[in-house]
């Protein structure tokens, strides 16, 4: 009798487990619980491996005693702050006449549908909202299928969105840096919603990157109206908060999608910033002009922006030195203020050090960054670490990193070509 009761209890337990598993796999249930389960796993991982205690410490190879675990090596920051000393040849573009015109005190664009993002799907959700304004038919599942087919891919960058717009829709797109509030208002007044990437620091989490679509502004309240996929539709964001802090975290980047026939109109609004080289020059000037007024985490991002822009202007040695300065300053910040997710979103430091032939620095940065992840991955970190391993002759490690990068993003052409060359 006792063994019979045990058998019945065992079978009942198995049936209950199978029933729960079946319910969990139902799409409506899975979409709600998977987020909570992943969040719990991540919290446990961060509790056991505090990410804000990790240092970013790229060092010159000739001064390094680098080992497999040298994420705590100190670095002496350079004393020089670089200023523009050369003018690259600009890309030839149509003659642009910027005609300042008075704009209304308040404009709110209708037709930007709000979407709450699925788990970790901020980029695809915001891109979907931006495109839907222009009568594109799809939603964040459509954008995710191309941009983030692997659920473990932790981030989609604006540079990935640009080719999606140009290849998957009938629209054109423009990505620029160094934006400001006045430009956003002029774009909105002309009927162009703007996707921007900003910093976000929730009360019970660390700093992270976040996208919003700006669909309006109101001077009377000094706010932008944003479609926030994480918080709510029509979320007001104070002018002061945007300009003095959160937008700086991503070098004041902005993405505009538009019908091709309206390109001249858009170019007129942007003026000199329509030319990408001129835009980088102006962005560099803006960044360097504010450095002396910044401190704490804002100063880290100021250095980071300066280094990124120097890199994009082809001034590699200067960029590498300023990246050193940025990471050295990062290591002086209080742990709770450290934006340790920064290389999830902004990867120019990898390429800068690689082109500066500082391969161990690339490996150290990627290893520190990847150590902070739980199950999710960053294809760019794996790719650039693979490139550094390959440059050092460690081909098996390089091959492994390229393969992981392609698992996360099967359309990652650079990783595919690098892997092909090794085989």
Protein backbone atom coordinates (compact mmCIF):
# COMPACT_ATOMS: atom_id res chain seq x y z
CA UNK A 1 0.00 0.00 0.00
CA UNK A 2 2.79 2.41 0.89
CA UNK A 3 4.67 1.75 -2.36
CA UNK A 4 1.45 2.30 -4.28
CA UNK A 5 1.00 5.73 -2.67
CA UNK A 6 4.59 6.62 -3.51
CA UNK A 7 4.02 5.58 -7.13
CA UNK A 8 0.84 7.65 -7.35
CA UNK A 9 2.60 10.67 -5.82
CA UNK A 10 5.52 10.30 -8.22
CA UNK A 11 3.24 10.07 -11.25
CA UNK A 12 1.22 13.05 -10.02
CA UNK A 13 4.37 15.07 -9.59
CA UNK A 14 5.57 14.18 -13.10
CA UNK A 15 2.18 15.12 -14.56
CA UNK A 16 2.30 18.43 -12.70
CA UNK A 17 5.81 19.15 -13.98
CA UNK A 18 4.80 18.31 -17.56
CA UNK A 19 1.68 20.43 -17.23
CA UNK A 20 3.70 23.40 -15.95
CA UNK A 21 6.25 22.94 -18.73
CA UNK A 22 3.46 22.83 -21.31
CA UNK A 23 1.87 25.97 -19.93
CA UNK A 24 5.25 27.74 -19.89
CA UNK A 25 5.75 26.99 -23.59
CA UNK A 26 2.45 28.60 -24.55
CA UNK A 27 3.40 31.90 -26.29
CA UNK A 28 1.28 34.22 -24.08
CA UNK A 29 2.66 32.62 -20.90
CA UNK A 30 6.23 32.26 -22.15
CA UNK A 31 6.44 35.91 -23.25
CA UNK A 32 5.57 37.01 -19.71
CA UNK A 33 7.48 34.49 -17.61
CA UNK A 34 10.66 34.23 -19.72
CA UNK A 35 11.47 37.88 -18.98
CA UNK A 36 11.03 37.33 -15.23
CA UNK A 37 13.07 34.12 -15.26
CA UNK A 38 15.91 35.71 -17.25
CA UNK A 39 15.86 38.71 -14.92
CA UNK A 40 16.13 36.45 -11.87
CA UNK A 41 19.03 34.51 -13.40
CA UNK A 42 20.81 37.77 -14.21
CA UNK A 43 20.32 39.13 -10.67
CA UNK A 44 21.81 35.95 -9.23
CA UNK A 45 24.76 36.18 -11.61
CA UNK A 46 25.40 39.82 -10.70
CA UNK A 47 25.10 39.05 -6.98
CA UNK A 48 27.79 36.37 -7.29
CA UNK A 49 29.89 38.39 -9.79
CA UNK A 50 29.49 42.13 -9.04
CA UNK A 51 30.04 43.79 -12.44
CA UNK A 52 30.74 47.24 -11.01
CA UNK A 53 33.87 45.88 -9.33
CA UNK A 54 35.48 45.01 -12.67
CA UNK A 55 38.00 47.53 -14.00
CA UNK A 56 38.52 48.42 -17.64
CA UNK A 57 42.27 48.61 -17.96
CA UNK A 58 43.72 48.50 -21.47
CA UNK A 59 47.48 48.94 -21.27
CA UNK A 60 50.30 49.38 -23.74
CA UNK A 61 51.69 45.94 -24.53
CA UNK A 62 55.27 46.97 -23.90
CA UNK A 63 54.26 47.99 -20.36
CA UNK A 64 51.91 45.10 -19.71
CA UNK A 65 52.36 41.91 -17.77
CA UNK A 66 49.07 40.72 -19.20
CA UNK A 67 47.71 37.33 -18.22
CA UNK A 68 44.44 35.53 -18.76
CA UNK A 69 42.85 37.36 -15.81
CA UNK A 70 44.45 40.80 -15.87
CA UNK A 71 41.31 42.96 -15.72
CA UNK A 72 42.70 44.89 -12.73
CA UNK A 73 45.96 46.26 -14.16
CA UNK A 74 46.37 49.97 -13.43
CA UNK A 75 47.07 52.50 -16.14
CA UNK A 76 48.69 55.91 -16.05
CA UNK A 77 46.42 58.34 -17.93
CA UNK A 78 48.04 60.56 -20.56
CA UNK A 79 48.24 64.20 -19.61
CA UNK A 80 47.54 65.60 -23.07
CA UNK A 81 44.09 66.54 -24.29
CA UNK A 82 44.00 66.52 -28.06
CA UNK A 83 42.45 69.21 -30.21
CA UNK A 84 41.76 69.11 -33.93
CA UNK A 85 44.96 69.68 -35.90
CA UNK A 86 43.92 68.59 -39.38
CA UNK A 87 40.93 68.84 -41.67
CA UNK A 88 39.99 65.66 -43.56
CA UNK A 89 38.74 66.05 -47.10
CA UNK A 90 34.94 66.17 -46.83
CA UNK A 91 32.68 63.90 -48.84
CA UNK A 92 31.29 65.75 -51.83
CA UNK A 93 27.58 66.41 -51.32
CA UNK A 94 24.91 68.64 -52.86
CA UNK A 95 25.03 72.34 -52.03
CA UNK A 96 23.01 72.81 -48.85
CA UNK A 97 21.45 76.07 -47.80
CA UNK A 98 20.26 76.11 -44.22
CA UNK A 99 17.50 78.67 -43.82
CA UNK A 100 16.59 79.27 -40.17
CA UNK A 101 12.84 79.58 -39.81
CA UNK A 102 10.71 80.17 -36.77
CA UNK A 103 9.14 77.00 -35.44
CA UNK A 104 6.00 76.59 -33.30
CA UNK A 105 6.29 76.52 -29.52
CA UNK A 106 4.76 73.05 -29.46
CA UNK A 107 4.51 70.24 -32.04
CA UNK A 108 3.31 66.69 -31.43
CA UNK A 109 3.41 64.30 -34.37
CA UNK A 110 0.55 61.84 -34.62
CA UNK A 111 1.10 58.50 -36.26
CA UNK A 112 3.98 57.15 -34.16
CA UNK A 113 2.38 54.03 -32.66
CA UNK A 114 3.70 52.99 -29.27
CA UNK A 115 4.98 49.45 -28.68
CA UNK A 116 6.01 47.96 -25.36
CA UNK A 117 9.18 46.02 -25.98
CA UNK A 118 9.51 42.30 -25.46
CA UNK A 119 12.43 41.13 -23.33
CA UNK A 120 15.64 43.02 -24.16
CA UNK A 121 14.13 44.14 -27.48
CA UNK A 122 14.52 47.89 -27.08
CA UNK A 123 16.31 48.51 -30.39
CA UNK A 124 13.96 46.55 -32.68
CA UNK A 125 10.89 47.95 -30.88
CA UNK A 126 11.97 51.57 -31.27
CA UNK A 127 12.98 51.07 -34.89
CA UNK A 128 9.55 49.60 -35.55
CA UNK A 129 7.86 52.64 -34.01
CA UNK A 130 10.01 55.01 -36.08
CA UNK A 131 9.29 53.20 -39.34
CA UNK A 132 5.56 52.83 -38.67
CA UNK A 133 5.19 56.60 -38.79
CA UNK A 134 6.07 56.33 -42.49
CA UNK A 135 3.39 53.65 -43.10
CA UNK A 136 5.83 50.74 -42.91
CA UNK A 137 3.93 47.54 -42.23
CA UNK A 138 5.47 45.49 -39.46
CA UNK A 139 6.23 45.53 -35.76
CA UNK A 140 9.12 44.70 -33.44
CA UNK A 141 8.86 41.02 -34.33
CA UNK A 142 9.66 41.95 -37.93
CA UNK A 143 12.70 44.02 -37.00
CA UNK A 144 13.84 41.50 -34.39
CA UNK A 145 13.78 38.65 -36.91
CA UNK A 146 16.51 40.41 -38.90
CA UNK A 147 18.39 42.42 -36.29
CA UNK A 148 18.24 40.10 -33.31
CA UNK A 149 17.25 36.57 -34.30
CA UNK A 150 19.14 35.09 -31.33
CA UNK A 151 17.43 35.87 -28.02
CA UNK A 152 20.83 35.96 -26.32
CA UNK A 153 22.02 38.94 -28.40
CA UNK A 154 22.22 41.66 -25.75
CA UNK A 155 22.11 44.75 -27.97
CA UNK A 156 21.30 46.21 -31.38
CA UNK A 157 23.28 49.31 -32.33
CA UNK A 158 22.16 52.22 -34.54
CA UNK A 159 24.73 51.14 -37.14
CA UNK A 160 22.78 47.87 -37.47
CA UNK A 161 19.48 49.71 -37.91
CA UNK A 162 20.73 51.83 -40.79
CA UNK A 163 21.14 48.96 -43.32
CA UNK A 164 17.82 47.46 -42.18
CA UNK A 165 16.04 50.65 -43.21
CA UNK A 166 17.90 50.89 -46.51
CA UNK A 167 17.61 47.20 -47.44
CA UNK A 168 14.30 46.12 -45.90
CA UNK A 169 12.12 49.18 -46.53
CA UNK A 170 11.52 51.77 -49.24
CA UNK A 171 12.80 54.53 -46.95
CA UNK A 172 16.20 56.17 -46.68
CA UNK A 173 17.98 56.84 -43.40
CA UNK A 174 20.61 59.10 -41.91
CA UNK A 175 22.73 58.55 -38.79
CA UNK A 176 24.63 61.45 -37.25
CA UNK A 177 26.28 62.50 -33.97
CA UNK A 178 26.56 65.68 -31.95
CA UNK A 179 22.87 66.53 -32.08
CA UNK A 180 21.22 69.15 -29.92
CA UNK A 181 17.78 70.16 -28.72
CA UNK A 182 17.29 72.83 -31.36
CA UNK A 183 17.95 70.33 -34.14
CA UNK A 184 15.44 67.83 -32.72
CA UNK A 185 12.77 70.53 -32.51
CA UNK A 186 13.40 71.62 -36.11
CA UNK A 187 13.16 68.02 -37.30
CA UNK A 188 9.94 67.43 -35.40
CA UNK A 189 8.44 70.69 -36.67
CA UNK A 190 9.21 69.55 -40.23
CA UNK A 191 7.50 66.21 -39.65
CA UNK A 192 10.52 63.95 -38.99
CA UNK A 193 10.36 61.87 -35.79
CA UNK A 194 13.83 61.13 -34.40
CA UNK A 195 15.25 57.98 -32.82
CA UNK A 196 17.92 58.73 -30.23
CA UNK A 197 20.02 56.56 -27.92
CA UNK A 198 20.41 57.75 -24.34
CA UNK A 199 21.65 56.61 -20.96
CA UNK A 200 19.18 55.16 -18.47
CA UNK A 201 19.79 54.44 -14.79
CA UNK A 202 16.81 52.80 -13.03
CA UNK A 203 16.62 53.00 -9.22
CA UNK A 204 17.30 49.30 -8.67
CA UNK A 205 19.77 48.62 -11.47
CA UNK A 206 22.99 49.93 -12.97
CA UNK A 207 23.41 52.29 -15.90
CA UNK A 208 22.30 50.96 -19.28
CA UNK A 209 21.67 52.17 -22.81
CA UNK A 210 18.15 52.88 -24.01
CA UNK A 211 16.37 54.07 -27.16
CA UNK A 212 13.41 56.41 -27.43
CA UNK A 213 11.57 57.87 -30.41
CA UNK A 214 11.03 61.61 -30.07
CA UNK A 215 7.63 62.49 -31.51
CA UNK A 216 7.04 65.98 -30.13
CA UNK A 217 8.11 68.88 -27.96
CA UNK A 218 6.47 71.52 -25.80
CA UNK A 219 8.35 74.71 -24.92
CA UNK A 220 5.78 75.71 -22.30
CA UNK A 221 6.70 72.65 -20.22
CA UNK A 222 10.30 72.43 -21.55
CA UNK A 223 9.83 68.77 -22.45
CA UNK A 224 10.23 66.45 -25.37
CA UNK A 225 7.45 63.94 -25.98
CA UNK A 226 8.93 60.46 -26.41
CA UNK A 227 7.63 57.02 -27.19
CA UNK A 228 9.38 54.89 -24.58
CA UNK A 229 9.10 51.16 -25.21
CA UNK A 230 10.07 50.35 -21.62
CA UNK A 231 8.08 52.89 -19.60
CA UNK A 232 5.05 54.38 -21.39
CA UNK A 233 3.75 56.16 -24.50
CA UNK A 234 4.07 59.95 -24.72
CA UNK A 235 6.64 60.05 -21.92
CA UNK A 236 7.78 63.65 -21.26
CA UNK A 237 11.56 64.11 -20.99
CA UNK A 238 12.83 67.42 -19.64
CA UNK A 239 15.02 69.43 -22.01
CA UNK A 240 17.59 69.85 -19.23
CA UNK A 241 17.81 66.12 -18.46
CA UNK A 242 18.32 65.23 -22.10
CA UNK A 243 20.90 67.82 -23.06
CA UNK A 244 22.99 67.98 -19.90
CA UNK A 245 23.27 64.29 -19.23
CA UNK A 246 21.54 61.32 -20.77
CA UNK A 247 22.09 62.02 -24.47
CA UNK A 248 25.79 62.70 -23.91
CA UNK A 249 26.17 59.04 -22.89
CA UNK A 250 25.86 58.17 -26.60
CA UNK A 251 27.65 61.11 -28.19
CA UNK A 252 24.32 62.83 -28.96
CA UNK A 253 23.55 60.28 -31.70
CA UNK A 254 20.34 60.48 -33.75
CA UNK A 255 18.75 58.43 -36.52
CA UNK A 256 16.20 59.76 -38.99
CA UNK A 257 14.22 57.69 -41.49
CA UNK A 258 12.58 59.50 -44.39
CA UNK A 259 11.12 59.10 -47.87
CA UNK A 260 13.89 59.59 -50.43
CA UNK A 261 12.03 62.40 -52.14
CA UNK A 262 12.34 64.48 -48.93
CA UNK A 263 16.13 64.26 -48.72
CA UNK A 264 16.75 67.85 -49.84
CA UNK A 265 14.37 69.09 -47.16
CA UNK A 266 16.19 67.05 -44.52
CA UNK A 267 19.57 68.23 -45.78
CA UNK A 268 18.42 71.84 -45.46
CA UNK A 269 17.48 71.27 -41.82
CA UNK A 270 20.82 69.62 -41.00
CA UNK A 271 22.95 72.15 -42.82
CA UNK A 272 26.66 71.39 -42.44
CA UNK A 273 25.86 68.25 -40.41
CA UNK A 274 24.46 66.64 -43.54
CA UNK A 275 28.05 65.93 -44.60
CA UNK A 276 29.31 63.07 -42.37
CA UNK A 277 32.91 64.31 -42.16
CA UNK A 278 31.82 67.81 -41.27
CA UNK A 279 29.45 66.28 -38.73
CA UNK A 280 32.36 64.47 -37.02
CA UNK A 281 34.41 67.67 -36.99
CA UNK A 282 31.58 69.62 -35.41
CA UNK A 283 30.90 66.82 -32.93
CA UNK A 284 34.55 66.81 -31.89
CA UNK A 285 34.50 70.56 -31.37
CA UNK A 286 31.33 70.29 -29.28
CA UNK A 287 32.81 67.54 -27.12
CA UNK A 288 36.13 69.24 -26.51
CA UNK A 289 34.43 72.54 -25.69
CA UNK A 290 32.55 71.01 -22.77
CA UNK A 291 35.25 68.73 -21.29
CA UNK A 292 36.50 71.26 -18.75
CA UNK A 293 33.00 71.58 -17.27
CA UNK A 294 32.39 67.86 -16.82
CA UNK A 295 33.11 65.59 -13.88
CA UNK A 296 32.34 62.11 -12.62
CA UNK A 297 30.52 59.82 -15.01
CA UNK A 298 29.79 62.71 -17.39
CA UNK A 299 33.55 63.28 -17.77
CA UNK A 300 34.05 59.59 -18.59
CA UNK A 301 31.53 59.92 -21.41
CA UNK A 302 33.10 63.18 -22.51
CA UNK A 303 36.46 61.45 -22.94
CA UNK A 304 34.74 58.48 -24.59
CA UNK A 305 32.96 60.74 -27.07
CA UNK A 306 36.18 62.57 -27.87
CA UNK A 307 38.04 59.31 -28.48
CA UNK A 308 35.23 57.84 -30.58
CA UNK A 309 35.05 60.91 -32.79
CA UNK A 310 38.83 61.07 -33.21
CA UNK A 311 38.74 57.45 -34.30
CA UNK A 312 36.01 58.09 -36.85
CA UNK A 313 38.08 60.94 -38.24
CA UNK A 314 40.97 58.51 -38.75
CA UNK A 315 43.18 59.92 -35.98
CA UNK A 316 43.93 56.52 -34.47
CA UNK A 317 46.90 57.29 -32.20
CA UNK A 318 45.11 60.24 -30.61
CA UNK A 319 41.92 58.21 -30.20
CA UNK A 320 43.77 55.36 -28.45
CA UNK A 321 45.41 57.79 -26.01
CA UNK A 322 42.07 59.41 -25.14
CA UNK A 323 40.42 56.01 -24.72
CA UNK A 324 43.20 55.26 -22.21
CA UNK A 325 42.26 58.48 -20.45
CA UNK A 326 38.57 57.53 -20.42
CA UNK A 327 39.15 54.08 -18.94
CA UNK A 328 41.60 55.43 -16.38
CA UNK A 329 38.93 57.90 -15.26
CA UNK A 330 36.33 55.11 -15.21
CA UNK A 331 38.41 53.24 -12.63
CA UNK A 332 38.30 56.27 -10.30
CA UNK A 333 34.49 56.39 -10.23
CA UNK A 334 32.47 55.09 -7.31
CA UNK A 335 31.35 51.55 -8.09
CA UNK A 336 27.65 52.46 -8.11
CA UNK A 337 28.35 55.17 -10.72
CA UNK A 338 30.35 53.02 -13.14
CA UNK A 339 28.62 52.52 -16.51
CA UNK A 340 30.03 49.03 -16.81
CA UNK A 341 27.75 48.12 -19.71
CA UNK A 342 29.36 50.78 -21.94
CA UNK A 343 31.08 48.31 -24.30
CA UNK A 344 27.79 46.51 -24.82
CA UNK A 345 26.75 49.50 -26.90
CA UNK A 346 29.84 51.42 -27.98
CA UNK A 347 32.57 49.30 -29.56
CA UNK A 348 34.87 51.79 -31.27
CA UNK A 349 37.46 51.31 -28.51
CA UNK A 350 38.01 47.74 -29.75
CA UNK A 351 38.71 48.80 -33.32
CA UNK A 352 40.83 51.75 -32.20
CA UNK A 353 43.15 49.57 -30.12
CA UNK A 354 43.21 46.93 -32.84
CA UNK A 355 44.25 49.42 -35.52
CA UNK A 356 46.78 50.80 -33.02
CA UNK A 357 48.18 47.22 -32.88
CA UNK A 358 47.38 46.94 -29.18
CA UNK A 359 45.92 43.48 -29.48
CA UNK A 360 46.20 42.53 -25.81
CA UNK A 361 44.24 45.67 -24.92
CA UNK A 362 41.41 44.46 -27.18
CA UNK A 363 41.47 41.06 -25.50
CA UNK A 364 41.51 42.55 -22.00
CA UNK A 365 38.57 44.85 -22.70
CA UNK A 366 36.52 42.10 -24.35
CA UNK A 367 37.26 39.64 -21.56
CA UNK A 368 36.25 42.15 -18.88
CA UNK A 369 33.05 42.99 -20.76
CA UNK A 370 32.04 39.39 -21.46
CA UNK A 371 32.70 38.43 -17.83
CA UNK A 372 29.79 40.68 -16.84
CA UNK A 373 27.23 38.81 -18.92
CA UNK A 374 25.08 35.93 -17.78
CA UNK A 375 23.64 33.95 -20.70
CA UNK A 376 23.42 36.79 -23.19
CA UNK A 377 26.19 37.66 -25.62
CA UNK A 378 27.79 40.51 -27.50
CA UNK A 379 28.81 39.60 -31.02
CA UNK A 380 31.02 42.68 -31.44
CA UNK A 381 33.07 41.83 -28.34
CA UNK A 382 33.59 38.29 -29.61
CA UNK A 383 34.45 39.50 -33.10
CA UNK A 384 37.09 42.01 -32.02
CA UNK A 385 38.59 39.61 -29.50
CA UNK A 386 38.76 37.07 -32.31
CA UNK A 387 40.52 39.59 -34.52
CA UNK A 388 43.06 40.27 -31.77
CA UNK A 389 43.62 36.55 -31.18
CA UNK A 390 44.14 36.05 -34.90
CA UNK A 391 46.66 38.91 -35.04
CA UNK A 392 48.58 37.22 -32.21
CA UNK A 393 48.55 33.87 -34.01
CA UNK A 394 46.05 32.19 -31.66
CA UNK A 395 43.87 30.88 -34.45
CA UNK A 396 41.78 28.35 -32.51
CA UNK A 397 40.67 31.02 -30.04
CA UNK A 398 39.95 33.39 -32.92
CA UNK A 399 37.87 30.78 -34.71
CA UNK A 400 35.84 30.11 -31.55
CA UNK A 401 35.07 33.81 -31.08
CA UNK A 402 34.02 34.24 -34.72
CA UNK A 403 31.69 31.26 -34.44
CA UNK A 404 30.04 32.66 -31.30
CA UNK A 405 29.63 36.05 -32.99
CA UNK A 406 27.84 34.37 -35.90
CA UNK A 407 25.61 32.37 -33.56
CA UNK A 408 24.48 35.64 -32.05
CA UNK A 409 24.09 37.42 -35.40
CA UNK A 410 24.15 35.12 -38.43
CA UNK A 411 24.26 38.12 -40.81
CA UNK A 412 27.44 39.54 -39.25
CA UNK A 413 29.45 39.85 -42.49
CA UNK A 414 32.79 40.82 -40.89
CA UNK A 415 32.72 37.77 -38.62
CA UNK A 416 31.69 35.52 -41.50
CA UNK A 417 34.53 36.74 -43.73
CA UNK A 418 37.08 36.41 -40.91
CA UNK A 419 35.95 32.87 -40.13
CA UNK A 420 36.03 31.92 -43.82
CA UNK A 421 39.63 33.11 -44.12
CA UNK A 422 40.66 30.90 -41.19
CA UNK A 423 39.10 27.74 -42.62
